[in-house]
Amino acid sequence: MGIAEILCAGILALGIGGTPERGEFACTHVPQIIERSRELGFRPALMISLIHHESRWQHRVVSHANACGLTQVLPRYTGGAPYPRGAGNPRLTCDQLKDPRVSIDAGSRALRYWIQRYGRGNERIGLCGYNAGFRCKTTRERPALSRAGRAGMSYARRVLRTASALEAYVRNNQGR
């Protein structure tokens, strides 16, 4: 069995997505997630887990803040920092972000930005940034995290916990 098949089995076994139907839907997108995560330098289980916590694999969902699609990207932030405009990355609409392939691509680039630039390689801080923006670090002037920063850190812990469970499933089932 290849990594995509093992990840899919883990998604289904761990109930990622919340329902068997959404788990099956998630499985159809695992190859793209593996490809994008390898290109951008993060673990596939991290994106699978992020999508689970952002949208429960419901690709048409729009949040109260108008974040759209599987990865819950805000359209107003596309075409900017994680999506350099000069590199053929136009601003995306909410309808475009409801396309799972577009959402996975945009969310993957945003996750890379938050981990590499904001978190300086720290996945927990990067995930917090993905969720709460630039409120996930303390400074001399601001020695305690804001409420949004604390919520973002809680989100990051949940995403990392799910990703770890999925990776443990993969480790335990490779070579079978």
N, C-alpha and C. Protein backbone atom coordinates (compact mmCIF):
# COMPACT_ATOMS: atom_id res chain seq x y z
N MET A 1 0.84 -1.18 0.00
CA MET A 1 0.00 0.00 0.00
C MET A 1 0.89 1.25 0.00
N GLY A 2 0.50 2.23 -0.81
CA GLY A 2 1.23 3.49 -0.86
C GLY A 2 0.79 4.43 0.25
N ILE A 3 1.50 5.55 0.37
CA ILE A 3 1.22 6.51 1.44
C ILE A 3 -0.20 7.09 1.30
N ALA A 4 -0.66 7.33 0.08
CA ALA A 4 -2.01 7.88 -0.09
C ALA A 4 -3.06 6.91 0.42
N GLU A 5 -2.88 5.63 0.12
CA GLU A 5 -3.85 4.63 0.57
C GLU A 5 -3.84 4.48 2.09
N ILE A 6 -2.64 4.53 2.68
CA ILE A 6 -2.54 4.40 4.14
C ILE A 6 -3.14 5.63 4.82
N LEU A 7 -2.85 6.83 4.28
CA LEU A 7 -3.46 8.04 4.84
C LEU A 7 -4.98 7.98 4.74
N CYS A 8 -5.47 7.50 3.62
CA CYS A 8 -6.93 7.36 3.44
C CYS A 8 -7.51 6.39 4.47
N ALA A 9 -6.85 5.26 4.64
CA ALA A 9 -7.32 4.30 5.65
C ALA A 9 -7.33 4.93 7.03
N GLY A 10 -6.31 5.73 7.32
CA GLY A 10 -6.24 6.42 8.61
C GLY A 10 -7.36 7.44 8.77
N ILE A 11 -7.65 8.18 7.71
CA ILE A 11 -8.74 9.15 7.73
C ILE A 11 -10.05 8.44 8.09
N LEU A 12 -10.29 7.32 7.45
CA LEU A 12 -11.53 6.57 7.70
C LEU A 12 -11.53 5.94 9.09
N ALA A 13 -10.41 5.36 9.49
CA ALA A 13 -10.33 4.69 10.80
C ALA A 13 -10.46 5.68 11.95
N LEU A 14 -9.91 6.88 11.80
CA LEU A 14 -9.92 7.87 12.87
C LEU A 14 -11.16 8.77 12.84
N GLY A 15 -12.01 8.59 11.83
CA GLY A 15 -13.22 9.41 11.74
C GLY A 15 -12.95 10.84 11.34
N ILE A 16 -11.85 11.07 10.63
CA ILE A 16 -11.54 12.43 10.18
C ILE A 16 -12.56 12.83 9.13
N GLY A 17 -13.16 13.99 9.32
CA GLY A 17 -14.23 14.45 8.46
C GLY A 17 -15.58 14.38 9.16
N GLY A 18 -15.67 13.53 10.16
CA GLY A 18 -16.89 13.46 10.95
C GLY A 18 -17.89 12.42 10.49
N THR A 19 -17.95 12.14 9.19
CA THR A 19 -18.87 11.12 8.68
C THR A 19 -18.11 10.26 7.67
N PRO A 20 -18.55 9.03 7.45
CA PRO A 20 -17.89 8.19 6.43
C PRO A 20 -17.90 8.83 5.04
N GLU A 21 -18.97 9.54 4.70
CA GLU A 21 -19.06 10.18 3.38
C GLU A 21 -18.00 11.26 3.24
N ARG A 22 -17.84 12.09 4.28
CA ARG A 22 -16.82 13.14 4.21
C ARG A 22 -15.42 12.54 4.27
N GLY A 23 -15.27 11.43 4.98
CA GLY A 23 -13.98 10.73 4.98
C GLY A 23 -13.62 10.24 3.59
N GLU A 24 -14.60 9.67 2.89
CA GLU A 24 -14.38 9.22 1.51
C GLU A 24 -14.05 10.41 0.61
N PHE A 25 -14.76 11.52 0.81
CA PHE A 25 -14.48 12.74 0.05
C PHE A 25 -13.05 13.19 0.31
N ALA A 26 -12.63 13.15 1.57
CA ALA A 26 -11.25 13.53 1.92
C ALA A 26 -10.25 12.65 1.18
N CYS A 27 -10.54 11.37 1.11
CA CYS A 27 -9.62 10.43 0.46
C CYS A 27 -9.38 10.78 -1.01
N THR A 28 -10.39 11.34 -1.67
CA THR A 28 -10.21 11.70 -3.08
C THR A 28 -9.20 12.84 -3.25
N HIS A 29 -8.95 13.60 -2.18
CA HIS A 29 -8.05 14.75 -2.27
C HIS A 29 -6.68 14.50 -1.64
N VAL A 30 -6.46 13.33 -1.09
CA VAL A 30 -5.18 13.02 -0.46
C VAL A 30 -4.01 13.12 -1.44
N PRO A 31 -4.11 12.62 -2.68
CA PRO A 31 -2.96 12.77 -3.59
C PRO A 31 -2.54 14.23 -3.81
N GLN A 32 -3.50 15.13 -3.97
CA GLN A 32 -3.16 16.55 -4.14
C GLN A 32 -2.51 17.10 -2.88
N ILE A 33 -3.02 16.71 -1.72
CA ILE A 33 -2.45 17.19 -0.46
C ILE A 33 -1.01 16.71 -0.31
N ILE A 34 -0.75 15.46 -0.65
CA ILE A 34 0.61 14.94 -0.57
C ILE A 34 1.52 15.73 -1.51
N GLU A 35 1.07 15.95 -2.73
CA GLU A 35 1.88 16.69 -3.71
C GLU A 35 2.18 18.11 -3.24
N ARG A 36 1.15 18.84 -2.80
CA ARG A 36 1.35 20.24 -2.36
C ARG A 36 2.21 20.31 -1.10
N SER A 37 1.99 19.41 -0.17
CA SER A 37 2.77 19.47 1.08
C SER A 37 4.24 19.17 0.80
N ARG A 38 4.52 18.25 -0.09
CA ARG A 38 5.92 17.97 -0.45
C ARG A 38 6.55 19.17 -1.15
N GLU A 39 5.81 19.79 -2.07
CA GLU A 39 6.32 20.97 -2.78
C GLU A 39 6.61 22.13 -1.83
N LEU A 40 5.77 22.28 -0.82
CA LEU A 40 5.84 23.45 0.05
C LEU A 40 6.54 23.19 1.38
N GLY A 41 6.90 21.93 1.65
CA GLY A 41 7.73 21.63 2.80
C GLY A 41 7.02 21.43 4.13
N PHE A 42 5.86 20.84 4.14
CA PHE A 42 5.23 20.46 5.41
C PHE A 42 4.62 19.08 5.29
N ARG A 43 4.21 18.52 6.40
CA ARG A 43 3.70 17.15 6.45
C ARG A 43 2.27 17.07 5.91
N PRO A 44 1.96 16.07 5.07
CA PRO A 44 0.59 15.93 4.56
C PRO A 44 -0.44 15.81 5.68
N ALA A 45 -0.11 15.12 6.74
CA ALA A 45 -1.07 14.95 7.84
C ALA A 45 -1.46 16.28 8.46
N LEU A 46 -0.57 17.26 8.38
CA LEU A 46 -0.88 18.58 8.93
C LEU A 46 -2.01 19.24 8.14
N MET A 47 -1.96 19.16 6.81
CA MET A 47 -3.02 19.76 5.99
C MET A 47 -4.32 18.97 6.12
N ILE A 48 -4.24 17.66 6.17
CA ILE A 48 -5.44 16.84 6.35
C ILE A 48 -6.11 17.21 7.67
N SER A 49 -5.32 17.36 8.72
CA SER A 49 -5.85 17.72 10.02
C SER A 49 -6.40 19.14 10.03
N LEU A 50 -5.68 20.07 9.39
CA LEU A 50 -6.15 21.45 9.31
C LEU A 50 -7.53 21.51 8.66
N ILE A 51 -7.69 20.80 7.54
CA ILE A 51 -8.99 20.80 6.86
C ILE A 51 -10.07 20.19 7.75
N HIS A 52 -9.72 19.14 8.46
CA HIS A 52 -10.68 18.52 9.38
C HIS A 52 -11.18 19.54 10.40
N HIS A 53 -10.26 20.30 10.97
CA HIS A 53 -10.65 21.25 12.01
C HIS A 53 -11.26 22.54 11.45
N GLU A 54 -10.88 22.91 10.24
CA GLU A 54 -11.44 24.13 9.64
C GLU A 54 -12.85 23.93 9.11
N SER A 55 -13.08 22.81 8.40
CA SER A 55 -14.36 22.68 7.69
C SER A 55 -15.02 21.31 7.82
N ARG A 56 -14.37 20.37 8.50
CA ARG A 56 -14.87 18.99 8.56
C ARG A 56 -15.12 18.44 7.15
N TRP A 57 -14.27 18.87 6.22
CA TRP A 57 -14.31 18.40 4.83
C TRP A 57 -15.62 18.77 4.12
N GLN A 58 -16.19 19.91 4.49
CA GLN A 58 -17.37 20.43 3.81
C GLN A 58 -16.90 21.57 2.91
N HIS A 59 -16.79 21.31 1.62
CA HIS A 59 -16.13 22.26 0.73
C HIS A 59 -16.94 23.51 0.39
N ARG A 60 -18.20 23.53 0.67
CA ARG A 60 -19.02 24.71 0.35
C ARG A 60 -19.24 25.62 1.56
N VAL A 61 -18.64 25.30 2.67
CA VAL A 61 -18.89 26.05 3.90
C VAL A 61 -18.26 27.45 3.85
N VAL A 62 -19.00 28.42 4.43
CA VAL A 62 -18.52 29.79 4.58
C VAL A 62 -18.70 30.15 6.05
N SER A 63 -17.63 30.66 6.65
CA SER A 63 -17.68 30.98 8.09
C SER A 63 -18.35 32.33 8.32
N HIS A 64 -18.58 32.63 9.60
CA HIS A 64 -19.14 33.93 9.97
C HIS A 64 -18.22 35.08 9.57
N ALA A 65 -16.91 34.79 9.42
CA ALA A 65 -15.93 35.81 9.02
C ALA A 65 -15.73 35.83 7.50
N ASN A 66 -16.53 35.04 6.78
CA ASN A 66 -16.46 34.91 5.33
C ASN A 66 -15.24 34.15 4.82
N ALA A 67 -14.68 33.28 5.64
CA ALA A 67 -13.64 32.36 5.18
C ALA A 67 -14.36 31.25 4.42
N CYS A 68 -13.74 30.79 3.33
CA CYS A 68 -14.45 29.92 2.39
C CYS A 68 -13.71 28.62 2.12
N GLY A 69 -14.50 27.58 1.87
CA GLY A 69 -13.97 26.32 1.37
C GLY A 69 -13.38 25.42 2.43
N LEU A 70 -12.75 24.35 1.94
CA LEU A 70 -12.16 23.35 2.83
C LEU A 70 -11.18 23.94 3.82
N THR A 71 -10.31 24.83 3.34
CA THR A 71 -9.24 25.36 4.18
C THR A 71 -9.61 26.68 4.85
N GLN A 72 -10.84 27.15 4.61
CA GLN A 72 -11.37 28.36 5.24
C GLN A 72 -10.44 29.56 5.06
N VAL A 73 -10.06 29.80 3.82
CA VAL A 73 -9.22 30.95 3.47
C VAL A 73 -10.12 32.16 3.27
N LEU A 74 -9.67 33.32 3.74
CA LEU A 74 -10.39 34.56 3.53
C LEU A 74 -10.03 35.11 2.15
N PRO A 75 -11.02 35.28 1.27
CA PRO A 75 -10.71 35.76 -0.09
C PRO A 75 -9.92 37.06 -0.11
N ARG A 76 -10.16 37.95 0.84
CA ARG A 76 -9.49 39.25 0.81
C ARG A 76 -7.98 39.13 1.02
N TYR A 77 -7.52 38.00 1.56
CA TYR A 77 -6.08 37.82 1.77
C TYR A 77 -5.41 37.04 0.65
N THR A 78 -6.16 36.57 -0.33
CA THR A 78 -5.52 35.89 -1.45
C THR A 78 -4.94 36.94 -2.39
N GLY A 79 -3.91 36.56 -3.11
CA GLY A 79 -3.24 37.51 -3.99
C GLY A 79 -2.21 38.35 -3.26
N GLY A 80 -2.07 38.15 -1.94
CA GLY A 80 -1.11 38.90 -1.13
C GLY A 80 0.08 38.05 -0.74
N ALA A 81 0.56 38.19 0.48
CA ALA A 81 1.81 37.59 0.94
C ALA A 81 1.98 36.10 0.63
N PRO A 82 1.08 35.22 1.07
CA PRO A 82 1.31 33.82 0.74
C PRO A 82 1.06 33.53 -0.74
N TYR A 83 0.45 34.48 -1.43
CA TYR A 83 0.07 34.29 -2.83
C TYR A 83 0.60 35.47 -3.63
N PRO A 84 1.91 35.54 -3.88
CA PRO A 84 2.48 36.71 -4.56
C PRO A 84 1.77 36.98 -5.89
N ARG A 85 1.30 38.20 -6.07
CA ARG A 85 0.51 38.54 -7.26
C ARG A 85 1.32 38.37 -8.54
N GLY A 86 2.58 38.68 -8.53
CA GLY A 86 3.39 38.58 -9.73
C GLY A 86 3.63 37.15 -10.18
N ALA A 87 3.30 36.19 -9.37
CA ALA A 87 3.57 34.79 -9.69
C ALA A 87 2.34 34.08 -10.23
N GLY A 88 1.44 34.81 -10.85
CA GLY A 88 0.26 34.19 -11.43
C GLY A 88 -0.76 33.76 -10.39
N ASN A 89 -0.80 34.44 -9.25
CA ASN A 89 -1.73 34.10 -8.18
C ASN A 89 -2.71 35.25 -7.99
N PRO A 90 -3.79 35.26 -8.76
CA PRO A 90 -4.76 36.35 -8.63
C PRO A 90 -5.57 36.23 -7.35
N ARG A 91 -6.24 37.32 -7.01
CA ARG A 91 -7.16 37.30 -5.87
C ARG A 91 -8.27 36.30 -6.19
N LEU A 92 -8.61 35.48 -5.21
CA LEU A 92 -9.63 34.45 -5.40
C LEU A 92 -10.95 34.88 -4.78
N THR A 93 -12.04 34.44 -5.37
CA THR A 93 -13.36 34.71 -4.82
C THR A 93 -13.77 33.56 -3.90
N CYS A 94 -14.79 33.79 -3.13
CA CYS A 94 -15.31 32.74 -2.26
C CYS A 94 -15.79 31.56 -3.10
N ASP A 95 -16.46 31.83 -4.21
CA ASP A 95 -16.92 30.74 -5.07
C ASP A 95 -15.75 29.91 -5.59
N GLN A 96 -14.65 30.57 -5.94
CA GLN A 96 -13.47 29.83 -6.40
C GLN A 96 -12.90 28.98 -5.27
N LEU A 97 -12.89 29.51 -4.05
CA LEU A 97 -12.34 28.78 -2.90
C LEU A 97 -13.22 27.60 -2.48
N LYS A 98 -14.44 27.54 -2.97
CA LYS A 98 -15.30 26.39 -2.69
C LYS A 98 -14.93 25.18 -3.54
N ASP A 99 -14.09 25.40 -4.56
CA ASP A 99 -13.55 24.30 -5.36
C ASP A 99 -12.46 23.65 -4.51
N PRO A 100 -12.59 22.38 -4.16
CA PRO A 100 -11.62 21.76 -3.25
C PRO A 100 -10.16 21.89 -3.71
N ARG A 101 -9.90 21.75 -5.00
CA ARG A 101 -8.52 21.85 -5.49
C ARG A 101 -7.96 23.25 -5.29
N VAL A 102 -8.78 24.26 -5.55
CA VAL A 102 -8.35 25.65 -5.36
C VAL A 102 -8.12 25.92 -3.87
N SER A 103 -9.04 25.45 -3.04
CA SER A 103 -8.93 25.68 -1.60
C SER A 103 -7.69 24.99 -1.02
N ILE A 104 -7.44 23.76 -1.44
CA ILE A 104 -6.25 23.05 -0.94
C ILE A 104 -4.98 23.77 -1.37
N ASP A 105 -4.96 24.25 -2.59
CA ASP A 105 -3.79 24.99 -3.08
C ASP A 105 -3.59 26.28 -2.29
N ALA A 106 -4.66 27.07 -2.15
CA ALA A 106 -4.56 28.34 -1.43
C ALA A 106 -4.24 28.12 0.05
N GLY A 107 -4.90 27.15 0.67
CA GLY A 107 -4.64 26.87 2.08
C GLY A 107 -3.23 26.35 2.31
N SER A 108 -2.71 25.56 1.38
CA SER A 108 -1.34 25.05 1.50
C SER A 108 -0.33 26.18 1.45
N ARG A 109 -0.54 27.12 0.51
CA ARG A 109 0.38 28.26 0.43
C ARG A 109 0.29 29.14 1.67
N ALA A 110 -0.93 29.33 2.17
CA ALA A 110 -1.08 30.13 3.39
C ALA A 110 -0.42 29.43 4.57
N LEU A 111 -0.61 28.12 4.69
CA LEU A 111 0.02 27.38 5.80
C LEU A 111 1.53 27.48 5.73
N ARG A 112 2.09 27.35 4.53
CA ARG A 112 3.55 27.49 4.39
C ARG A 112 3.99 28.87 4.87
N TYR A 113 3.27 29.90 4.45
CA TYR A 113 3.62 31.26 4.89
C TYR A 113 3.62 31.36 6.41
N TRP A 114 2.54 30.90 7.02
CA TRP A 114 2.42 31.05 8.47
C TRP A 114 3.49 30.25 9.22
N ILE A 115 3.80 29.05 8.74
CA ILE A 115 4.82 28.24 9.42
C ILE A 115 6.22 28.80 9.17
N GLN A 116 6.54 29.07 7.91
CA GLN A 116 7.91 29.47 7.59
C GLN A 116 8.20 30.91 7.95
N ARG A 117 7.31 31.83 7.62
CA ARG A 117 7.60 33.24 7.83
C ARG A 117 7.26 33.70 9.24
N TYR A 118 6.04 33.43 9.66
CA TYR A 118 5.59 33.91 10.97
C TYR A 118 6.10 33.01 12.08
N GLY A 119 5.95 31.72 11.91
CA GLY A 119 6.38 30.79 12.95
C GLY A 119 7.86 30.45 12.91
N ARG A 120 8.56 30.88 11.85
CA ARG A 120 9.98 30.59 11.67
C ARG A 120 10.27 29.09 11.82
N GLY A 121 9.39 28.29 11.21
CA GLY A 121 9.54 26.84 11.24
C GLY A 121 8.77 26.14 12.35
N ASN A 122 8.22 26.89 13.28
CA ASN A 122 7.47 26.32 14.40
C ASN A 122 6.02 26.08 13.95
N GLU A 123 5.64 24.81 13.85
CA GLU A 123 4.30 24.46 13.37
C GLU A 123 3.20 24.99 14.28
N ARG A 124 3.42 24.95 15.59
CA ARG A 124 2.39 25.39 16.53
C ARG A 124 2.11 26.89 16.35
N ILE A 125 3.16 27.69 16.26
CA ILE A 125 2.96 29.13 16.07
C ILE A 125 2.39 29.40 14.68
N GLY A 126 2.85 28.66 13.67
CA GLY A 126 2.32 28.82 12.33
C GLY A 126 0.84 28.49 12.24
N LEU A 127 0.43 27.41 12.87
CA LEU A 127 -0.99 27.05 12.89
C LEU A 127 -1.81 28.08 13.67
N CYS A 128 -1.26 28.57 14.75
CA CYS A 128 -1.95 29.62 15.50
C CYS A 128 -2.16 30.83 14.60
N GLY A 129 -1.12 31.22 13.86
CA GLY A 129 -1.23 32.34 12.95
C GLY A 129 -2.27 32.10 11.87
N TYR A 130 -2.30 30.90 11.34
CA TYR A 130 -3.29 30.55 10.32
C TYR A 130 -4.70 30.80 10.86
N ASN A 131 -4.90 30.51 12.13
CA ASN A 131 -6.22 30.64 12.76
C ASN A 131 -6.48 32.04 13.30
N ALA A 132 -5.49 32.66 13.93
CA ALA A 132 -5.73 33.90 14.68
C ALA A 132 -4.95 35.10 14.14
N GLY A 133 -4.22 34.91 13.06
CA GLY A 133 -3.47 36.02 12.50
C GLY A 133 -2.24 36.35 13.35
N PHE A 134 -1.84 37.59 13.32
CA PHE A 134 -0.61 38.02 13.97
C PHE A 134 -0.79 38.27 15.47
N ARG A 135 -1.45 37.36 16.15
CA ARG A 135 -1.71 37.53 17.59
C ARG A 135 -1.19 36.36 18.40
N CYS A 136 -0.19 35.66 17.87
CA CYS A 136 0.23 34.40 18.48
C CYS A 136 1.60 34.44 19.12
N LYS A 137 2.19 35.60 19.20
CA LYS A 137 3.48 35.73 19.84
C LYS A 137 3.41 36.81 20.91
N THR A 138 4.19 36.62 21.93
CA THR A 138 4.28 37.65 22.97
C THR A 138 5.48 38.53 22.65
N THR A 139 5.46 39.72 23.18
CA THR A 139 6.58 40.66 23.03
C THR A 139 6.85 41.29 24.39
N ARG A 140 7.90 42.07 24.45
CA ARG A 140 8.19 42.77 25.69
C ARG A 140 7.03 43.70 26.05
N GLU A 141 6.46 44.35 25.03
CA GLU A 141 5.35 45.28 25.26
C GLU A 141 4.04 44.53 25.55
N ARG A 142 3.93 43.31 25.03
CA ARG A 142 2.72 42.51 25.19
C ARG A 142 3.12 41.12 25.69
N PRO A 143 3.36 41.00 27.00
CA PRO A 143 3.90 39.75 27.55
C PRO A 143 2.90 38.59 27.63
N ALA A 144 1.62 38.85 27.43
CA ALA A 144 0.61 37.79 27.49
C ALA A 144 -0.15 37.75 26.16
N LEU A 145 -0.55 36.56 25.77
CA LEU A 145 -1.34 36.42 24.55
C LEU A 145 -2.73 37.00 24.73
N SER A 146 -3.27 37.57 23.66
CA SER A 146 -4.65 38.05 23.67
C SER A 146 -5.60 36.85 23.70
N ARG A 147 -6.87 37.13 23.88
CA ARG A 147 -7.86 36.05 23.85
C ARG A 147 -7.82 35.33 22.51
N ALA A 148 -7.70 36.07 21.42
CA ALA A 148 -7.61 35.46 20.09
C ALA A 148 -6.34 34.61 19.97
N GLY A 149 -5.24 35.09 20.52
CA GLY A 149 -4.00 34.32 20.50
C GLY A 149 -4.11 33.03 21.30
N ARG A 150 -4.76 33.08 22.45
CA ARG A 150 -4.96 31.86 23.25
C ARG A 150 -5.86 30.88 22.51
N ALA A 151 -6.92 31.38 21.87
CA ALA A 151 -7.80 30.51 21.08
C ALA A 151 -7.04 29.91 19.90
N GLY A 152 -6.17 30.70 19.28
CA GLY A 152 -5.36 30.19 18.18
C GLY A 152 -4.40 29.10 18.62
N MET A 153 -3.82 29.25 19.81
CA MET A 153 -2.91 28.22 20.33
C MET A 153 -3.69 26.94 20.65
N SER A 154 -4.90 27.08 21.16
CA SER A 154 -5.74 25.91 21.42
C SER A 154 -6.06 25.20 20.10
N TYR A 155 -6.40 25.96 19.09
CA TYR A 155 -6.65 25.42 17.75
C TYR A 155 -5.41 24.66 17.26
N ALA A 156 -4.24 25.28 17.38
CA ALA A 156 -2.99 24.66 16.92
C ALA A 156 -2.76 23.33 17.62
N ARG A 157 -3.00 23.27 18.92
CA ARG A 157 -2.83 22.01 19.65
C ARG A 157 -3.77 20.93 19.12
N ARG A 158 -5.02 21.30 18.84
CA ARG A 158 -5.98 20.32 18.30
C ARG A 158 -5.54 19.81 16.93
N VAL A 159 -5.11 20.71 16.06
CA VAL A 159 -4.67 20.30 14.73
C VAL A 159 -3.45 19.39 14.83
N LEU A 160 -2.49 19.76 15.68
CA LEU A 160 -1.29 18.94 15.84
C LEU A 160 -1.61 17.57 16.44
N ARG A 161 -2.56 17.52 17.36
CA ARG A 161 -2.95 16.25 17.96
C ARG A 161 -3.57 15.32 16.92
N THR A 162 -4.44 15.84 16.06
CA THR A 162 -5.05 15.03 15.01
C THR A 162 -3.99 14.58 14.00
N ALA A 163 -3.10 15.48 13.62
CA ALA A 163 -2.03 15.12 12.68
C ALA A 163 -1.15 14.03 13.26
N SER A 164 -0.83 14.12 14.55
CA SER A 164 -0.01 13.09 15.20
C SER A 164 -0.71 11.75 15.23
N ALA A 165 -2.00 11.75 15.49
CA ALA A 165 -2.76 10.49 15.50
C ALA A 165 -2.77 9.86 14.11
N LEU A 166 -2.93 10.68 13.08
CA LEU A 166 -2.92 10.18 11.71
C LEU A 166 -1.54 9.62 11.35
N GLU A 167 -0.49 10.32 11.73
CA GLU A 167 0.87 9.84 11.45
C GLU A 167 1.18 8.56 12.22
N ALA A 168 0.68 8.43 13.44
CA ALA A 168 0.86 7.18 14.20
C ALA A 168 0.16 6.04 13.48
N TYR A 169 -1.03 6.30 12.96
CA TYR A 169 -1.75 5.27 12.19
C TYR A 169 -0.91 4.83 10.99
N VAL A 170 -0.34 5.81 10.28
CA VAL A 170 0.48 5.49 9.10
C VAL A 170 1.69 4.65 9.51
N ARG A 171 2.40 5.05 10.55
CA ARG A 171 3.57 4.30 11.03
C ARG A 171 3.21 2.87 11.39
N ASN A 172 2.10 2.70 12.06
CA ASN A 172 1.68 1.38 12.52
C ASN A 172 1.15 0.48 11.40
N ASN A 173 0.85 1.07 10.25
CA ASN A 173 0.25 0.28 9.17
C ASN A 173 1.08 0.25 7.90
N GLN A 174 2.26 0.83 7.92
CA GLN A 174 3.14 0.75 6.76
C GLN A 174 3.72 -0.66 6.69
N GLY A 175 3.84 -1.18 5.48
CA GLY A 175 4.42 -2.51 5.29
C GLY A 175 3.46 -3.65 5.53
N ARG A 176 2.22 -3.36 5.73
CA ARG A 176 1.22 -4.44 5.94
C ARG A 176 0.62 -4.85 4.65
